[in-house]
Each structure stands twice: as C-alpha cells, then as structure tokens.
Amino acid sequence: MDLSELQSLFKEVENSIKSYIDDRLANQSADKLFTREQTAKHLDVDLSTLWKWSKTGKLPSYGIGSRTYYKLSDIEEALIPLNSSYGSKKGSKSSTLGNSVSKNSEQ
C-alpha cells in the first residue's frame, strides 16, 4: 500500500467517524427529556394547558414513578408553522396544538 492509498483510506475512516458522531449528537438532542415545568416554560404555557394537551393526546407524556416527562422530539413534532397550509387540516393533532400555542403567546 503506497502513501496515497493510505491517505485515501484515512480520509474514508475520518469521514465515517464524523458521520457517526453527527448522527449520535442529533439523536441525543432529539431524545432529551424535559420535566413538566421545563416543557411548560419552553412552550410558554401554563401547567394546566400542558396537562390538557397530554390528556387529549396532543403532546405525548412519559412517566417514571410519579414523575412526568416530555421528549424534545415530541415537542418539536407537535409544533407547526403558522400562516401556512402545512398541518392546517381541521382536527389534526398538530394543527390544534399549534392554534393553542399561538393563542397563549398572544396573551
């Protein structure tokens, strides 16, 4: 194996490692857990609103013992862009949550 082949192999390994690290970092942030208080603060809503969204299935919640948690990926998935046709179907999960978020942020 000559020097250029070795350099090429090294570049391949380096790119594979970078790709692996990027994927792991992306998955870590998506799986981050928030408490009820952190989630309410993140969305700028009252705990009662968060409770209602959880009970109606608009925002999935997870529990360990008596503690309730929310996944960052679920929070981001529930949000929709405002003033666009995306997610504007009546009665859709994300459309209803998006409307509630916009009402609370106008208060």
PDB file of N, CA and C in Angstrom:
ATOM      1  N   MET A   1       0.854  -1.172   0.000  1.00  0.00           N
ATOM      2  CA  MET A   1       0.000   0.000   0.000  1.00  0.00           C
ATOM      3  C   MET A   1       0.902   1.237   0.000  1.00  0.00           C
ATOM      4  N   ASP A   2       0.694   2.102  -0.966  1.00  0.00           N
ATOM      5  CA  ASP A   2       1.531   3.302  -1.030  1.00  0.00           C
ATOM      6  C   ASP A   2       0.901   4.436  -0.225  1.00  0.00           C
ATOM      7  N   LEU A   3       1.573   5.543  -0.163  1.00  0.00           N
ATOM      8  CA  LEU A   3       1.170   6.669   0.668  1.00  0.00           C
ATOM      9  C   LEU A   3      -0.188   7.242   0.259  1.00  0.00           C
ATOM     10  N   SER A   4      -0.455   7.388  -1.028  1.00  0.00           N
ATOM     11  CA  SER A   4      -1.726   7.971  -1.481  1.00  0.00           C
ATOM     12  C   SER A   4      -2.908   7.057  -1.132  1.00  0.00           C
ATOM     13  N   GLU A   5      -2.724   5.751  -1.217  1.00  0.00           N
ATOM     14  CA  GLU A   5      -3.790   4.814  -0.842  1.00  0.00           C
ATOM     15  C   GLU A   5      -4.048   4.882   0.664  1.00  0.00           C
ATOM     16  N   LEU A   6      -2.993   5.009   1.419  1.00  0.00           N
ATOM     17  CA  LEU A   6      -3.119   5.112   2.868  1.00  0.00           C
ATOM     18  C   LEU A   6      -3.840   6.405   3.263  1.00  0.00           C
ATOM     19  N   GLN A   7      -3.503   7.510   2.585  1.00  0.00           N
ATOM     20  CA  GLN A   7      -4.174   8.790   2.856  1.00  0.00           C
ATOM     21  C   GLN A   7      -5.654   8.710   2.492  1.00  0.00           C
ATOM     22  N   SER A   8      -5.958   8.045   1.385  1.00  0.00           N
ATOM     23  CA  SER A   8      -7.339   7.891   0.958  1.00  0.00           C
ATOM     24  C   SER A   8      -8.126   7.053   1.973  1.00  0.00           C
ATOM     25  N   LEU A   9      -7.522   5.988   2.443  1.00  0.00           N
ATOM     26  CA  LEU A   9      -8.151   5.145   3.450  1.00  0.00           C
ATOM     27  C   LEU A   9      -8.377   5.925   4.749  1.00  0.00           C
ATOM     28  N   PHE A  10      -7.399   6.715   5.137  1.00  0.00           N
ATOM     29  CA  PHE A  10      -7.512   7.535   6.338  1.00  0.00           C
ATOM     30  C   PHE A  10      -8.673   8.522   6.207  1.00  0.00           C
ATOM     31  N   LYS A  11      -8.812   9.147   5.033  1.00  0.00           N
ATOM     32  CA  LYS A  11      -9.904  10.094   4.797  1.00  0.00           C
ATOM     33  C   LYS A  11     -11.260   9.402   4.913  1.00  0.00           C
ATOM     34  N   GLU A  12     -11.377   8.186   4.380  1.00  0.00           N
ATOM     35  CA  GLU A  12     -12.621   7.420   4.467  1.00  0.00           C
ATOM     36  C   GLU A  12     -12.997   7.149   5.918  1.00  0.00           C
ATOM     37  N   VAL A  13     -12.019   6.705   6.702  1.00  0.00           N
ATOM     38  CA  VAL A  13     -12.248   6.415   8.113  1.00  0.00           C
ATOM     39  C   VAL A  13     -12.642   7.693   8.846  1.00  0.00           C
ATOM     40  N   GLU A  14     -11.952   8.775   8.561  1.00  0.00           N
ATOM     41  CA  GLU A  14     -12.256  10.056   9.203  1.00  0.00           C
ATOM     42  C   GLU A  14     -13.681  10.502   8.890  1.00  0.00           C
ATOM     43  N   ASN A  15     -14.098  10.392   7.643  1.00  0.00           N
ATOM     44  CA  ASN A  15     -15.456  10.787   7.250  1.00  0.00           C
ATOM     45  C   ASN A  15     -16.508   9.889   7.907  1.00  0.00           C
ATOM     46  N   SER A  16     -16.216   8.600   8.017  1.00  0.00           N
ATOM     47  CA  SER A  16     -17.147   7.671   8.674  1.00  0.00           C
ATOM     48  C   SER A  16     -17.311   8.015  10.151  1.00  0.00           C
ATOM     49  N   ILE A  17     -16.220   8.332  10.801  1.00  0.00           N
ATOM     50  CA  ILE A  17     -16.265   8.695  12.221  1.00  0.00           C
ATOM     51  C   ILE A  17     -17.043   9.991  12.408  1.00  0.00           C
ATOM     52  N   LYS A  18     -16.807  10.986  11.574  1.00  0.00           N
ATOM     53  CA  LYS A  18     -17.533  12.253  11.657  1.00  0.00           C
ATOM     54  C   LYS A  18     -19.032  12.032  11.461  1.00  0.00           C
ATOM     55  N   SER A  19     -19.388  11.220  10.490  1.00  0.00           N
ATOM     56  CA  SER A  19     -20.791  10.937  10.223  1.00  0.00           C
ATOM     57  C   SER A  19     -21.447  10.244  11.420  1.00  0.00           C
ATOM     58  N   TYR A  20     -20.744   9.291  12.012  1.00  0.00           N
ATOM     59  CA  TYR A  20     -21.244   8.571  13.177  1.00  0.00           C
ATOM     60  C   TYR A  20     -21.463   9.531  14.355  1.00  0.00           C
ATOM     61  N   ILE A  21     -20.507  10.398  14.597  1.00  0.00           N
ATOM     62  CA  ILE A  21     -20.611  11.362  15.702  1.00  0.00           C
ATOM     63  C   ILE A  21     -21.773  12.320  15.466  1.00  0.00           C
ATOM     64  N   ASP A  22     -21.927  12.814  14.244  1.00  0.00           N
ATOM     65  CA  ASP A  22     -23.035  13.716  13.919  1.00  0.00           C
ATOM     66  C   ASP A  22     -24.379  13.041  14.146  1.00  0.00           C
ATOM     67  N   ASP A  23     -24.507  11.784  13.731  1.00  0.00           N
ATOM     68  CA  ASP A  23     -25.753  11.042  13.937  1.00  0.00           C
ATOM     69  C   ASP A  23     -26.043  10.861  15.417  1.00  0.00           C
ATOM     70  N   ARG A  24     -25.034  10.527  16.197  1.00  0.00           N
ATOM     71  CA  ARG A  24     -25.223  10.330  17.641  1.00  0.00           C
ATOM     72  C   ARG A  24     -25.641  11.631  18.327  1.00  0.00           C
ATOM     73  N   LEU A  25     -25.016  12.739  17.946  1.00  0.00           N
ATOM     74  CA  LEU A  25     -25.366  14.026  18.545  1.00  0.00           C
ATOM     75  C   LEU A  25     -26.792  14.428  18.184  1.00  0.00           C
ATOM     76  N   ALA A  26     -27.198  14.174  16.955  1.00  0.00           N
ATOM     77  CA  ALA A  26     -28.561  14.508  16.529  1.00  0.00           C
ATOM     78  C   ALA A  26     -29.570  13.679  17.314  1.00  0.00           C
ATOM     79  N   ASN A  27     -29.289  12.410  17.519  1.00  0.00           N
ATOM     80  CA  ASN A  27     -30.202  11.541  18.266  1.00  0.00           C
ATOM     81  C   ASN A  27     -30.245  11.909  19.738  1.00  0.00           C
ATOM     82  N   GLN A  28     -29.147  12.354  20.300  1.00  0.00           N
ATOM     83  CA  GLN A  28     -29.130  12.731  21.712  1.00  0.00           C
ATOM     84  C   GLN A  28     -30.038  13.918  21.971  1.00  0.00           C
ATOM     85  N   SER A  29     -29.991  14.935  21.122  1.00  0.00           N
ATOM     86  CA  SER A  29     -30.821  16.112  21.360  1.00  0.00           C
ATOM     87  C   SER A  29     -32.292  15.792  21.136  1.00  0.00           C
ATOM     88  N   ALA A  30     -32.602  14.891  20.211  1.00  0.00           N
ATOM     89  CA  ALA A  30     -33.987  14.534  19.957  1.00  0.00           C
ATOM     90  C   ALA A  30     -34.569  13.717  21.101  1.00  0.00           C
ATOM     91  N   ASP A  31     -33.744  12.999  21.840  1.00  0.00           N
ATOM     92  CA  ASP A  31     -34.219  12.160  22.930  1.00  0.00           C
ATOM     93  C   ASP A  31     -34.127  12.846  24.289  1.00  0.00           C
ATOM     94  N   LYS A  32     -33.772  14.101  24.318  1.00  0.00           N
ATOM     95  CA  LYS A  32     -33.661  14.824  25.587  1.00  0.00           C
ATOM     96  C   LYS A  32     -35.025  14.880  26.254  1.00  0.00           C
ATOM     97  N   LEU A  33     -35.045  14.640  27.565  1.00  0.00           N
ATOM     98  CA  LEU A  33     -36.292  14.664  28.321  1.00  0.00           C
ATOM     99  C   LEU A  33     -36.429  15.970  29.090  1.00  0.00           C
ATOM    100  N   PHE A  34     -37.644  16.507  29.102  1.00  0.00           N
ATOM    101  CA  PHE A  34     -37.972  17.710  29.852  1.00  0.00           C
ATOM    102  C   PHE A  34     -38.979  17.343  30.929  1.00  0.00           C
ATOM    103  N   THR A  35     -38.900  17.981  32.084  1.00  0.00           N
ATOM    104  CA  THR A  35     -39.920  17.839  33.118  1.00  0.00           C
ATOM    105  C   THR A  35     -41.150  18.636  32.690  1.00  0.00           C
ATOM    106  N   ARG A  36     -42.221  18.519  33.459  1.00  0.00           N
ATOM    107  CA  ARG A  36     -43.430  19.295  33.168  1.00  0.00           C
ATOM    108  C   ARG A  36     -43.123  20.783  33.204  1.00  0.00           C
ATOM    109  N   GLU A  37     -42.401  21.190  34.239  1.00  0.00           N
ATOM    110  CA  GLU A  37     -42.096  22.612  34.403  1.00  0.00           C
ATOM    111  C   GLU A  37     -41.209  23.123  33.259  1.00  0.00           C
ATOM    112  N   GLN A  38     -40.210  22.339  32.874  1.00  0.00           N
ATOM    113  CA  GLN A  38     -39.318  22.741  31.783  1.00  0.00           C
ATOM    114  C   GLN A  38     -40.080  22.832  30.465  1.00  0.00           C
ATOM    115  N   THR A  39     -40.973  21.880  30.232  1.00  0.00           N
ATOM    116  CA  THR A  39     -41.755  21.875  28.994  1.00  0.00           C
ATOM    117  C   THR A  39     -42.690  23.074  28.941  1.00  0.00           C
ATOM    118  N   ALA A  40     -43.376  23.347  30.043  1.00  0.00           N
ATOM    119  CA  ALA A  40     -44.279  24.500  30.086  1.00  0.00           C
ATOM    120  C   ALA A  40     -43.510  25.799  29.848  1.00  0.00           C
ATOM    121  N   LYS A  41     -42.343  25.909  30.460  1.00  0.00           N
ATOM    122  CA  LYS A  41     -41.519  27.108  30.268  1.00  0.00           C
ATOM    123  C   LYS A  41     -41.030  27.192  28.819  1.00  0.00           C
ATOM    124  N   HIS A  42     -40.610  26.069  28.258  1.00  0.00           N
ATOM    125  CA  HIS A  42     -40.117  26.018  26.878  1.00  0.00           C
ATOM    126  C   HIS A  42     -41.200  26.463  25.895  1.00  0.00           C
ATOM    127  N   LEU A  43     -42.446  26.068  26.151  1.00  0.00           N
ATOM    128  CA  LEU A  43     -43.555  26.416  25.263  1.00  0.00           C
ATOM    129  C   LEU A  43     -44.279  27.698  25.686  1.00  0.00           C
ATOM    130  N   ASP A  44     -43.886  28.251  26.828  1.00  0.00           N
ATOM    131  CA  ASP A  44     -44.503  29.464  27.364  1.00  0.00           C
ATOM    132  C   ASP A  44     -46.005  29.277  27.571  1.00  0.00           C
ATOM    133  N   VAL A  45     -46.359  28.163  28.226  1.00  0.00           N
ATOM    134  CA  VAL A  45     -47.751  27.875  28.550  1.00  0.00           C
ATOM    135  C   VAL A  45     -47.861  27.526  30.029  1.00  0.00           C
ATOM    136  N   ASP A  46     -49.073  27.556  30.538  1.00  0.00           N
ATOM    137  CA  ASP A  46     -49.344  27.196  31.916  1.00  0.00           C
ATOM    138  C   ASP A  46     -49.320  25.672  32.059  1.00  0.00           C
ATOM    139  N   LEU A  47     -49.036  25.180  33.255  1.00  0.00           N
ATOM    140  CA  LEU A  47     -49.016  23.740  33.503  1.00  0.00           C
ATOM    141  C   LEU A  47     -50.372  23.103  33.217  1.00  0.00           C
ATOM    142  N   SER A  48     -51.454  23.844  33.443  1.00  0.00           N
ATOM    143  CA  SER A  48     -52.786  23.291  33.169  1.00  0.00           C
ATOM    144  C   SER A  48     -52.989  23.058  31.667  1.00  0.00           C
ATOM    145  N   THR A  49     -52.444  23.928  30.838  1.00  0.00           N
ATOM    146  CA  THR A  49     -52.518  23.751  29.388  1.00  0.00           C
ATOM    147  C   THR A  49     -51.720  22.520  28.973  1.00  0.00           C
ATOM    148  N   LEU A  50     -50.549  22.384  29.543  1.00  0.00           N
ATOM    149  CA  LEU A  50     -49.710  21.226  29.245  1.00  0.00           C
ATOM    150  C   LEU A  50     -50.416  19.937  29.668  1.00  0.00           C
ATOM    151  N   TRP A  51     -51.050  19.958  30.822  1.00  0.00           N
ATOM    152  CA  TRP A  51     -51.802  18.802  31.312  1.00  0.00           C
ATOM    153  C   TRP A  51     -52.912  18.440  30.327  1.00  0.00           C
ATOM    154  N   LYS A  52     -53.639  19.454  29.856  1.00  0.00           N
ATOM    155  CA  LYS A  52     -54.739  19.232  28.906  1.00  0.00           C
ATOM    156  C   LYS A  52     -54.212  18.628  27.606  1.00  0.00           C
ATOM    157  N   TRP A  53     -53.119  19.159  27.079  1.00  0.00           N
ATOM    158  CA  TRP A  53     -52.530  18.625  25.847  1.00  0.00           C
ATOM    159  C   TRP A  53     -52.106  17.174  26.034  1.00  0.00           C
ATOM    160  N   SER A  54     -51.592  16.840  27.210  1.00  0.00           N
ATOM    161  CA  SER A  54     -51.173  15.466  27.488  1.00  0.00           C
ATOM    162  C   SER A  54     -52.386  14.542  27.556  1.00  0.00           C
ATOM    163  N   LYS A  55     -53.417  14.960  28.268  1.00  0.00           N
ATOM    164  CA  LYS A  55     -54.607  14.121  28.448  1.00  0.00           C
ATOM    165  C   LYS A  55     -55.372  13.915  27.150  1.00  0.00           C
ATOM    166  N   THR A  56     -55.332  14.894  26.248  1.00  0.00           N
ATOM    167  CA  THR A  56     -56.044  14.763  24.967  1.00  0.00           C
ATOM    168  C   THR A  56     -55.170  14.153  23.877  1.00  0.00           C
ATOM    169  N   GLY A  57     -53.918  13.843  24.202  1.00  0.00           N
ATOM    170  CA  GLY A  57     -53.032  13.198  23.235  1.00  0.00           C
ATOM    171  C   GLY A  57     -52.349  14.131  22.262  1.00  0.00           C
ATOM    172  N   LYS A  58     -52.454  15.415  22.477  1.00  0.00           N
ATOM    173  CA  LYS A  58     -51.815  16.382  21.579  1.00  0.00           C
ATOM    174  C   LYS A  58     -50.304  16.427  21.784  1.00  0.00           C
ATOM    175  N   LEU A  59     -49.874  16.105  22.999  1.00  0.00           N
ATOM    176  CA  LEU A  59     -48.450  16.075  23.316  1.00  0.00           C
ATOM    177  C   LEU A  59     -48.200  14.865  24.215  1.00  0.00           C
ATOM    178  N   PRO A  60     -47.556  13.831  23.674  1.00  0.00           N
ATOM    179  CA  PRO A  60     -47.327  12.617  24.471  1.00  0.00           C
ATOM    180  C   PRO A  60     -46.459  12.902  25.694  1.00  0.00           C
ATOM    181  N   SER A  61     -46.810  12.253  26.790  1.00  0.00           N
ATOM    182  CA  SER A  61     -46.006  12.372  28.003  1.00  0.00           C
ATOM    183  C   SER A  61     -45.559  10.981  28.415  1.00  0.00           C
ATOM    184  N   TYR A  62     -44.466  10.938  29.171  1.00  0.00           N
ATOM    185  CA  TYR A  62     -43.868   9.680  29.615  1.00  0.00           C
ATOM    186  C   TYR A  62     -43.630   9.791  31.111  1.00  0.00           C
ATOM    187  N   GLY A  63     -43.706   8.672  31.793  1.00  0.00           N
ATOM    188  CA  GLY A  63     -43.553   8.736  33.230  1.00  0.00           C
ATOM    189  C   GLY A  63     -42.623   7.687  33.794  1.00  0.00           C
ATOM    190  N   ILE A  64     -42.036   8.050  34.921  1.00  0.00           N
ATOM    191  CA  ILE A  64     -41.248   7.134  35.742  1.00  0.00           C
ATOM    192  C   ILE A  64     -41.709   7.396  37.168  1.00  0.00           C
ATOM    193  N   GLY A  65     -42.327   6.396  37.780  1.00  0.00           N
ATOM    194  CA  GLY A  65     -42.876   6.619  39.114  1.00  0.00           C
ATOM    195  C   GLY A  65     -43.940   7.696  39.049  1.00  0.00           C
ATOM    196  N   SER A  66     -43.810   8.697  39.873  1.00  0.00           N
ATOM    197  CA  SER A  66     -44.794   9.787  39.875  1.00  0.00           C
ATOM    198  C   SER A  66     -44.330  10.974  39.023  1.00  0.00           C
ATOM    199  N   ARG A  67     -43.194  10.846  38.357  1.00  0.00           N
ATOM    200  CA  ARG A  67     -42.647  11.944  37.536  1.00  0.00           C
ATOM    201  C   ARG A  67     -43.159  11.852  36.100  1.00  0.00           C
ATOM    202  N   THR A  68     -43.420  13.005  35.492  1.00  0.00           N
ATOM    203  CA  THR A  68     -43.870  13.084  34.105  1.00  0.00           C
ATOM    204  C   THR A  68     -42.807  13.799  33.283  1.00  0.00           C
ATOM    205  N   TYR A  69     -42.523  13.247  32.102  1.00  0.00           N
ATOM    206  CA  TYR A  69     -41.512  13.818  31.216  1.00  0.00           C
ATOM    207  C   TYR A  69     -42.060  13.953  29.800  1.00  0.00           C
ATOM    208  N   TYR A  70     -41.429  14.847  29.055  1.00  0.00           N
ATOM    209  CA  TYR A  70     -41.770  15.072  27.658  1.00  0.00           C
ATOM    210  C   TYR A  70     -40.487  14.995  26.842  1.00  0.00           C
ATOM    211  N   LYS A  71     -40.563  14.337  25.680  1.00  0.00           N
ATOM    212  CA  LYS A  71     -39.398  14.242  24.797  1.00  0.00           C
ATOM    213  C   LYS A  71     -39.322  15.494  23.933  1.00  0.00           C
ATOM    214  N   LEU A  72     -38.118  16.017  23.789  1.00  0.00           N
ATOM    215  CA  LEU A  72     -37.917  17.194  22.949  1.00  0.00           C
ATOM    216  C   LEU A  72     -38.386  16.919  21.521  1.00  0.00           C
ATOM    217  N   SER A  73     -38.126  15.727  21.021  1.00  0.00           N
ATOM    218  CA  SER A  73     -38.547  15.392  19.651  1.00  0.00           C
ATOM    219  C   SER A  73     -40.066  15.446  19.515  1.00  0.00           C
ATOM    220  N   ASP A  74     -40.813  15.012  20.552  1.00  0.00           N
ATOM    221  CA  ASP A  74     -42.278  15.084  20.514  1.00  0.00           C
ATOM    222  C   ASP A  74     -42.763  16.524  20.562  1.00  0.00           C
ATOM    223  N   ILE A  75     -42.096  17.346  21.356  1.00  0.00           N
ATOM    224  CA  ILE A  75     -42.464  18.764  21.450  1.00  0.00           C
ATOM    225  C   ILE A  75     -42.276  19.431  20.092  1.00  0.00           C
ATOM    226  N   GLU A  76     -41.122  19.202  19.477  1.00  0.00           N
ATOM    227  CA  GLU A  76     -40.842  19.809  18.178  1.00  0.00           C
ATOM    228  C   GLU A  76     -41.778  19.284  17.101  1.00  0.00           C
ATOM    229  N   GLU A  77     -42.128  18.009  17.184  1.00  0.00           N
ATOM    230  CA  GLU A  77     -43.027  17.406  16.197  1.00  0.00           C
ATOM    231  C   GLU A  77     -44.441  17.974  16.296  1.00  0.00           C
ATOM    232  N   ALA A  78     -44.864  18.326  17.496  1.00  0.00           N
ATOM    233  CA  ALA A  78     -46.211  18.850  17.705  1.00  0.00           C
ATOM    234  C   ALA A  78     -46.356  20.286  17.200  1.00  0.00           C
ATOM    235  N   LEU A  79     -45.263  21.013  17.125  1.00  0.00           N
ATOM    236  CA  LEU A  79     -45.315  22.403  16.657  1.00  0.00           C
ATOM    237  C   LEU A  79     -45.470  22.444  15.149  1.00  0.00           C
ATOM    238  N   ILE A  80     -46.229  23.415  14.671  1.00  0.00           N
ATOM    239  CA  ILE A  80     -46.419  23.592  13.232  1.00  0.00           C
ATOM    240  C   ILE A  80     -46.117  25.034  12.860  1.00  0.00           C
ATOM    241  N   PRO A  81     -45.738  25.258  11.594  1.00  0.00           N
ATOM    242  CA  PRO A  81     -45.534  26.641  11.151  1.00  0.00           C
ATOM    243  C   PRO A  81     -46.883  27.379  11.115  1.00  0.00           C
ATOM    244  N   LEU A  82     -46.883  28.619  11.518  1.00  0.00           N
ATOM    245  CA  LEU A  82     -48.101  29.423  11.464  1.00  0.00           C
ATOM    246  C   LEU A  82     -48.215  30.091  10.101  1.00  0.00           C
ATOM    247  N   ASN A  83     -49.449  30.422   9.717  1.00  0.00           N
ATOM    248  CA  ASN A  83     -49.724  31.088   8.438  1.00  0.00           C
ATOM    249  C   ASN A  83     -49.210  30.311   7.240  1.00  0.00           C
ATOM    250  N   SER A  84     -49.383  28.994   7.274  1.00  0.00           N
ATOM    251  CA  SER A  84     -49.027  28.193   6.118  1.00  0.00           C
ATOM    252  C   SER A  84     -50.061  27.104   5.965  1.00  0.00           C
ATOM    253  N   SER A  85     -50.057  26.443   4.835  1.00  0.00           N
ATOM    254  CA  SER A  85     -51.030  25.382   4.608  1.00  0.00           C
ATOM    255  C   SER A  85     -50.578  24.078   5.252  1.00  0.00           C
ATOM    256  N   TYR A  86     -49.318  23.991   5.695  1.00  0.00           N
ATOM    257  CA  TYR A  86     -48.824  22.774   6.336  1.00  0.00           C
ATOM    258  C   TYR A  86     -49.564  22.534   7.638  1.00  0.00           C
ATOM    259  N   GLY A  87     -50.117  21.339   7.796  1.00  0.00           N
ATOM    260  CA  GLY A  87     -50.759  20.951   9.042  1.00  0.00           C
ATOM    261  C   GLY A  87     -52.061  21.688   9.318  1.00  0.00           C
ATOM    262  N   SER A  88     -52.670  22.269   8.294  1.00  0.00           N
ATOM    263  CA  SER A  88     -53.865  23.066   8.542  1.00  0.00           C
ATOM    264  C   SER A  88     -55.148  22.253   8.446  1.00  0.00           C
ATOM    265  N   LYS A  89     -55.062  20.926   8.337  1.00  0.00           N
ATOM    266  CA  LYS A  89     -56.256  20.102   8.305  1.00  0.00           C
ATOM    267  C   LYS A  89     -57.013  20.260   9.613  1.00  0.00           C
ATOM    268  N   LYS A  90     -58.317  20.467   9.527  1.00  0.00           N
ATOM    269  CA  LYS A  90     -59.126  20.630  10.740  1.00  0.00           C
ATOM    270  C   LYS A  90     -59.073  19.372  11.575  1.00  0.00           C
ATOM    271  N   GLY A  91     -58.881  19.565  12.875  1.00  0.00           N
ATOM    272  CA  GLY A  91     -58.903  18.449  13.796  1.00  0.00           C
ATOM    273  C   GLY A  91     -57.608  17.669  13.855  1.00  0.00           C
ATOM    274  N   SER A  92     -56.599  18.064  13.083  1.00  0.00           N
ATOM    275  CA  SER A  92     -55.336  17.332  13.153  1.00  0.00           C
ATOM    276  C   SER A  92     -54.642  17.646  14.462  1.00  0.00           C
ATOM    277  N   LYS A  93     -53.873  16.687  14.940  1.00  0.00           N
ATOM    278  CA  LYS A  93     -53.196  16.813  16.228  1.00  0.00           C
ATOM    279  C   LYS A  93     -52.319  18.060  16.259  1.00  0.00           C
ATOM    280  N   SER A  94     -51.479  18.234  15.245  1.00  0.00           N
ATOM    281  CA  SER A  94     -50.537  19.348  15.274  1.00  0.00           C
ATOM    282  C   SER A  94     -51.225  20.677  15.008  1.00  0.00           C
ATOM    283  N   SER A  95     -52.295  20.661  14.211  1.00  0.00           N
ATOM    284  CA  SER A  95     -52.997  21.903  13.946  1.00  0.00           C
ATOM    285  C   SER A  95     -53.621  22.464  15.223  1.00  0.00           C
ATOM    286  N   THR A  96     -54.232  21.599  16.008  1.00  0.00           N
ATOM    287  CA  THR A  96     -54.874  22.047  17.236  1.00  0.00           C
ATOM    288  C   THR A  96     -53.848  22.548  18.229  1.00  0.00           C
ATOM    289  N   LEU A  97     -52.734  21.845  18.374  1.00  0.00           N
ATOM    290  CA  LEU A  97     -51.694  22.285  19.295  1.00  0.00           C
ATOM    291  C   LEU A  97     -51.116  23.606  18.832  1.00  0.00           C
ATOM    292  N   GLY A  98     -50.859  23.743  17.545  1.00  0.00           N
ATOM    293  CA  GLY A  98     -50.316  24.991  17.012  1.00  0.00           C
ATOM    294  C   GLY A  98     -51.226  26.163  17.297  1.00  0.00           C
ATOM    295  N   ASN A  99     -52.553  25.958  17.178  1.00  0.00           N
ATOM    296  CA  ASN A  99     -53.502  27.027  17.474  1.00  0.00           C
ATOM    297  C   ASN A  99     -53.456  27.401  18.941  1.00  0.00           C
ATOM    298  N   SER A 100     -53.344  26.402  19.809  1.00  0.00           N
ATOM    299  CA  SER A 100     -53.285  26.689  21.233  1.00  0.00           C
ATOM    300  C   SER A 100     -52.024  27.444  21.597  1.00  0.00           C
ATOM    301  N   VAL A 101     -50.900  27.075  20.983  1.00  0.00           N
ATOM    302  CA  VAL A 101     -49.652  27.767  21.268  1.00  0.00           C
ATOM    303  C   VAL A 101     -49.746  29.216  20.831  1.00  0.00           C
ATOM    304  N   SER A 102     -50.327  29.463  19.635  1.00  0.00           N
ATOM    305  CA  SER A 102     -50.401  30.842  19.147  1.00  0.00           C
ATOM    306  C   SER A 102     -51.329  31.683  20.025  1.00  0.00           C
ATOM    307  N   LYS A 103     -52.422  31.088  20.552  1.00  0.00           N
ATOM    308  CA  LYS A 103     -53.316  31.844  21.419  1.00  0.00           C
ATOM    309  C   LYS A 103     -52.626  32.242  22.704  1.00  0.00           C
ATOM    310  N   ASN A 104     -51.846  31.299  23.283  1.00  0.00           N
ATOM    311  CA  ASN A 104     -51.175  31.593  24.536  1.00  0.00           C
ATOM    312  C   ASN A 104     -50.063  32.615  24.357  1.00  0.00           C
ATOM    313  N   SER A 105     -49.393  32.620  23.206  1.00  0.00           N
ATOM    314  CA  SER A 105     -48.301  33.568  23.040  1.00  0.00           C
ATOM    315  C   SER A 105     -48.806  34.968  22.757  1.00  0.00           C
ATOM    316  N   GLU A 106     -50.085  35.110  22.378  1.00  0.00           N
ATOM    317  CA  GLU A 106     -50.629  36.433  22.155  1.00  0.00           C
ATOM    318  C   GLU A 106     -51.109  37.079  23.445  1.00  0.00           C
ATOM    319  N   GLN A 107     -51.262  36.291  24.502  1.00  0.00           N
ATOM    320  CA  GLN A 107     -51.780  36.829  25.767  1.00  0.00           C
ATOM    321  C   GLN A 107     -50.787  37.690  26.470  1.00  0.00           C
TER     322      GLN A 107
END
